[in-house]
Amino acid sequence: MAMKWQDKDPDDQIDYSVDWLSRLGTNTIDNIVWKIYDATSGNFIIWPQGSVHNGLQYVSSTNTNTVATLYLGLGTAFQTYSIICRMTASDQTVIEQEVRLRVVEKN
């Protein structure tokens, strides 16, 4: 089931997070890969840091032992983006969490 992040204004550069604590047990985050839905191919594609896809900018990302954070800029107003956070745990378990983000003009 997809999570939903709070709406984003195209002018905001803001961070969004996925908290993996409840799914990690005694493990920690080993690696994070961010993916975004590509309407042209109909698939999720790996989203390189610093790139803009469908108008949404992947500014940067960080993670702690339990939380993955993505910093986003730009975005096309009235579009909903589907993003996947793919987490590899210290025991090499891989889990994906889909998140939806709607971009709206707030001003």
C-alpha atoms as a PDB file:
ATOM      1  CA  MET A   1       0.000   0.000   0.000  1.00  0.00           C
ATOM      2  CA  ALA A   2       1.343   3.408  -0.961  1.00  0.00           C
ATOM      3  CA  MET A   3       2.067   6.066   1.646  1.00  0.00           C
ATOM      4  CA  LYS A   4       1.140   9.687   0.979  1.00  0.00           C
ATOM      5  CA  TRP A   5       3.394  12.626   1.723  1.00  0.00           C
ATOM      6  CA  GLN A   6       2.075  16.124   2.397  1.00  0.00           C
ATOM      7  CA  ASP A   7       1.420  18.223  -0.726  1.00  0.00           C
ATOM      8  CA  LYS A   8       4.313  20.204  -2.185  1.00  0.00           C
ATOM      9  CA  ASP A   9       4.298  23.648  -3.810  1.00  0.00           C
ATOM     10  CA  PRO A  10       6.435  23.861  -6.998  1.00  0.00           C
ATOM     11  CA  ASP A  11       8.437  26.687  -5.388  1.00  0.00           C
ATOM     12  CA  ASP A  12       9.291  24.684  -2.249  1.00  0.00           C
ATOM     13  CA  GLN A  13      12.497  22.756  -1.770  1.00  0.00           C
ATOM     14  CA  ILE A  14      11.520  20.404   1.030  1.00  0.00           C
ATOM     15  CA  ASP A  15      12.457  17.069   2.557  1.00  0.00           C
ATOM     16  CA  TYR A  16      10.293  13.959   2.789  1.00  0.00           C
ATOM     17  CA  SER A  17      11.130  10.804   4.737  1.00  0.00           C
ATOM     18  CA  VAL A  18      10.400   7.094   4.969  1.00  0.00           C
ATOM     19  CA  ASP A  19      10.852   5.694   8.477  1.00  0.00           C
ATOM     20  CA  TRP A  20      11.946   2.055   8.270  1.00  0.00           C
ATOM     21  CA  LEU A  21      12.319   1.447  12.034  1.00  0.00           C
ATOM     22  CA  SER A  22       9.287  -0.843  12.408  1.00  0.00           C
ATOM     23  CA  ARG A  23      10.415  -3.046   9.504  1.00  0.00           C
ATOM     24  CA  LEU A  24      14.116  -3.275  10.347  1.00  0.00           C
ATOM     25  CA  GLY A  25      14.023  -5.206  13.616  1.00  0.00           C
ATOM     26  CA  THR A  26      17.632  -5.357  14.816  1.00  0.00           C
ATOM     27  CA  ASN A  27      18.980  -4.401  11.373  1.00  0.00           C
ATOM     28  CA  THR A  28      19.938  -0.985  10.023  1.00  0.00           C
ATOM     29  CA  ILE A  29      19.741   0.668   6.608  1.00  0.00           C
ATOM     30  CA  ASP A  30      22.627  -0.428   4.404  1.00  0.00           C
ATOM     31  CA  ASN A  31      21.567   1.250   1.137  1.00  0.00           C
ATOM     32  CA  ILE A  32      18.760   3.396  -0.293  1.00  0.00           C
ATOM     33  CA  VAL A  33      17.764   3.731  -3.960  1.00  0.00           C
ATOM     34  CA  TRP A  34      15.042   6.164  -5.046  1.00  0.00           C
ATOM     35  CA  LYS A  35      12.856   5.410  -8.071  1.00  0.00           C
ATOM     36  CA  ILE A  36      10.190   7.484  -9.828  1.00  0.00           C
ATOM     37  CA  TYR A  37       7.325   6.401 -12.065  1.00  0.00           C
ATOM     38  CA  ASP A  38       7.990   7.127 -15.727  1.00  0.00           C
ATOM     39  CA  ALA A  39       4.724   7.556 -17.652  1.00  0.00           C
ATOM     40  CA  THR A  40       6.479   7.088 -20.997  1.00  0.00           C
ATOM     41  CA  SER A  41       7.753   3.583 -20.220  1.00  0.00           C
ATOM     42  CA  GLY A  42       5.039   2.674 -17.718  1.00  0.00           C
ATOM     43  CA  ASN A  43       7.715   1.569 -15.225  1.00  0.00           C
ATOM     44  CA  PHE A  44       9.550   2.858 -12.205  1.00  0.00           C
ATOM     45  CA  ILE A  45      13.060   3.972 -13.112  1.00  0.00           C
ATOM     46  CA  ILE A  46      16.087   4.618 -10.913  1.00  0.00           C
ATOM     47  CA  TRP A  47      16.125   8.339 -10.204  1.00  0.00           C
ATOM     48  CA  PRO A  48      19.635   9.817 -10.169  1.00  0.00           C
ATOM     49  CA  GLN A  49      20.413  12.460  -7.569  1.00  0.00           C
ATOM     50  CA  GLY A  50      20.428  15.979  -9.020  1.00  0.00           C
ATOM     51  CA  SER A  51      18.124  15.115 -11.926  1.00  0.00           C
ATOM     52  CA  VAL A  52      14.660  16.383 -12.880  1.00  0.00           C
ATOM     53  CA  HIS A  53      12.057  13.854 -14.026  1.00  0.00           C
ATOM     54  CA  ASN A  54       8.578  14.863 -15.206  1.00  0.00           C
ATOM     55  CA  GLY A  55       9.287  18.289 -13.721  1.00  0.00           C
ATOM     56  CA  LEU A  56      10.144  17.046 -10.200  1.00  0.00           C
ATOM     57  CA  GLN A  57      13.706  17.609  -8.997  1.00  0.00           C
ATOM     58  CA  TYR A  58      15.666  15.110  -6.873  1.00  0.00           C
ATOM     59  CA  VAL A  59      17.897  17.595  -5.070  1.00  0.00           C
ATOM     60  CA  SER A  60      19.659  15.222  -2.670  1.00  0.00           C
ATOM     61  CA  SER A  61      19.087  12.428  -0.158  1.00  0.00           C
ATOM     62  CA  THR A  62      20.397  11.277   3.183  1.00  0.00           C
ATOM     63  CA  ASN A  63      19.698   8.460   5.599  1.00  0.00           C
ATOM     64  CA  THR A  64      20.279   7.500   9.196  1.00  0.00           C
ATOM     65  CA  ASN A  65      20.298   3.906  10.435  1.00  0.00           C
ATOM     66  CA  THR A  66      16.478   3.850  10.262  1.00  0.00           C
ATOM     67  CA  VAL A  67      15.162   6.809   8.194  1.00  0.00           C
ATOM     68  CA  ALA A  68      15.632   7.642   4.482  1.00  0.00           C
ATOM     69  CA  THR A  69      15.147  11.298   3.512  1.00  0.00           C
ATOM     70  CA  LEU A  70      14.681  12.755   0.028  1.00  0.00           C
ATOM     71  CA  TYR A  71      15.000  16.495  -0.707  1.00  0.00           C
ATOM     72  CA  LEU A  72      12.750  17.613  -3.574  1.00  0.00           C
ATOM     73  CA  GLY A  73      12.386  20.794  -5.602  1.00  0.00           C
ATOM     74  CA  LEU A  74      10.232  22.038  -8.483  1.00  0.00           C
ATOM     75  CA  GLY A  75       7.286  19.868  -9.609  1.00  0.00           C
ATOM     76  CA  THR A  76       4.382  20.376 -11.976  1.00  0.00           C
ATOM     77  CA  ALA A  77       1.288  21.827 -10.319  1.00  0.00           C
ATOM     78  CA  PHE A  78      -1.704  19.476 -10.058  1.00  0.00           C
ATOM     79  CA  GLN A  79       0.373  16.386 -10.831  1.00  0.00           C
ATOM     80  CA  THR A  80       0.704  13.404  -8.508  1.00  0.00           C
ATOM     81  CA  TYR A  81       4.059  11.641  -8.529  1.00  0.00           C
ATOM     82  CA  SER A  82       4.699   8.028  -7.534  1.00  0.00           C
ATOM     83  CA  ILE A  83       8.078   7.462  -5.897  1.00  0.00           C
ATOM     84  CA  ILE A  84       9.636   4.281  -4.508  1.00  0.00           C
ATOM     85  CA  CYS A  85      12.139   4.103  -1.681  1.00  0.00           C
ATOM     86  CA  ARG A  86      14.068   0.825  -2.078  1.00  0.00           C
ATOM     87  CA  MET A  87      15.836  -0.051   1.147  1.00  0.00           C
ATOM     88  CA  THR A  88      18.497  -2.726   1.567  1.00  0.00           C
ATOM     89  CA  ALA A  89      18.984  -3.665   5.219  1.00  0.00           C
ATOM     90  CA  SER A  90      22.211  -4.719   6.904  1.00  0.00           C
ATOM     91  CA  ASP A  91      21.146  -8.388   6.541  1.00  0.00           C
ATOM     92  CA  GLN A  92      20.624  -7.742   2.766  1.00  0.00           C
ATOM     93  CA  THR A  93      16.813  -7.880   3.007  1.00  0.00           C
ATOM     94  CA  VAL A  94      15.320  -5.605   0.333  1.00  0.00           C
ATOM     95  CA  ILE A  95      12.019  -3.793   0.900  1.00  0.00           C
ATOM     96  CA  GLU A  96      10.301  -1.210  -1.317  1.00  0.00           C
ATOM     97  CA  GLN A  97       7.839   1.426  -0.129  1.00  0.00           C
ATOM     98  CA  GLU A  98       5.792   3.366  -2.685  1.00  0.00           C
ATOM     99  CA  VAL A  99       4.922   6.957  -1.807  1.00  0.00           C
ATOM    100  CA  ARG A 100       2.600   9.417  -3.552  1.00  0.00           C
ATOM    101  CA  LEU A 101       3.294  13.137  -3.685  1.00  0.00           C
ATOM    102  CA  ARG A 102       0.851  15.704  -5.069  1.00  0.00           C
ATOM    103  CA  VAL A 103       2.145  19.070  -6.242  1.00  0.00           C
ATOM    104  CA  VAL A 104      -0.240  22.003  -5.806  1.00  0.00           C
ATOM    105  CA  GLU A 105       0.063  25.783  -6.116  1.00  0.00           C
ATOM    106  CA  LYS A 106      -0.324  27.117  -2.574  1.00  0.00           C
ATOM    107  CA  ASN A 107      -0.023  30.823  -3.359  1.00  0.00           C
END
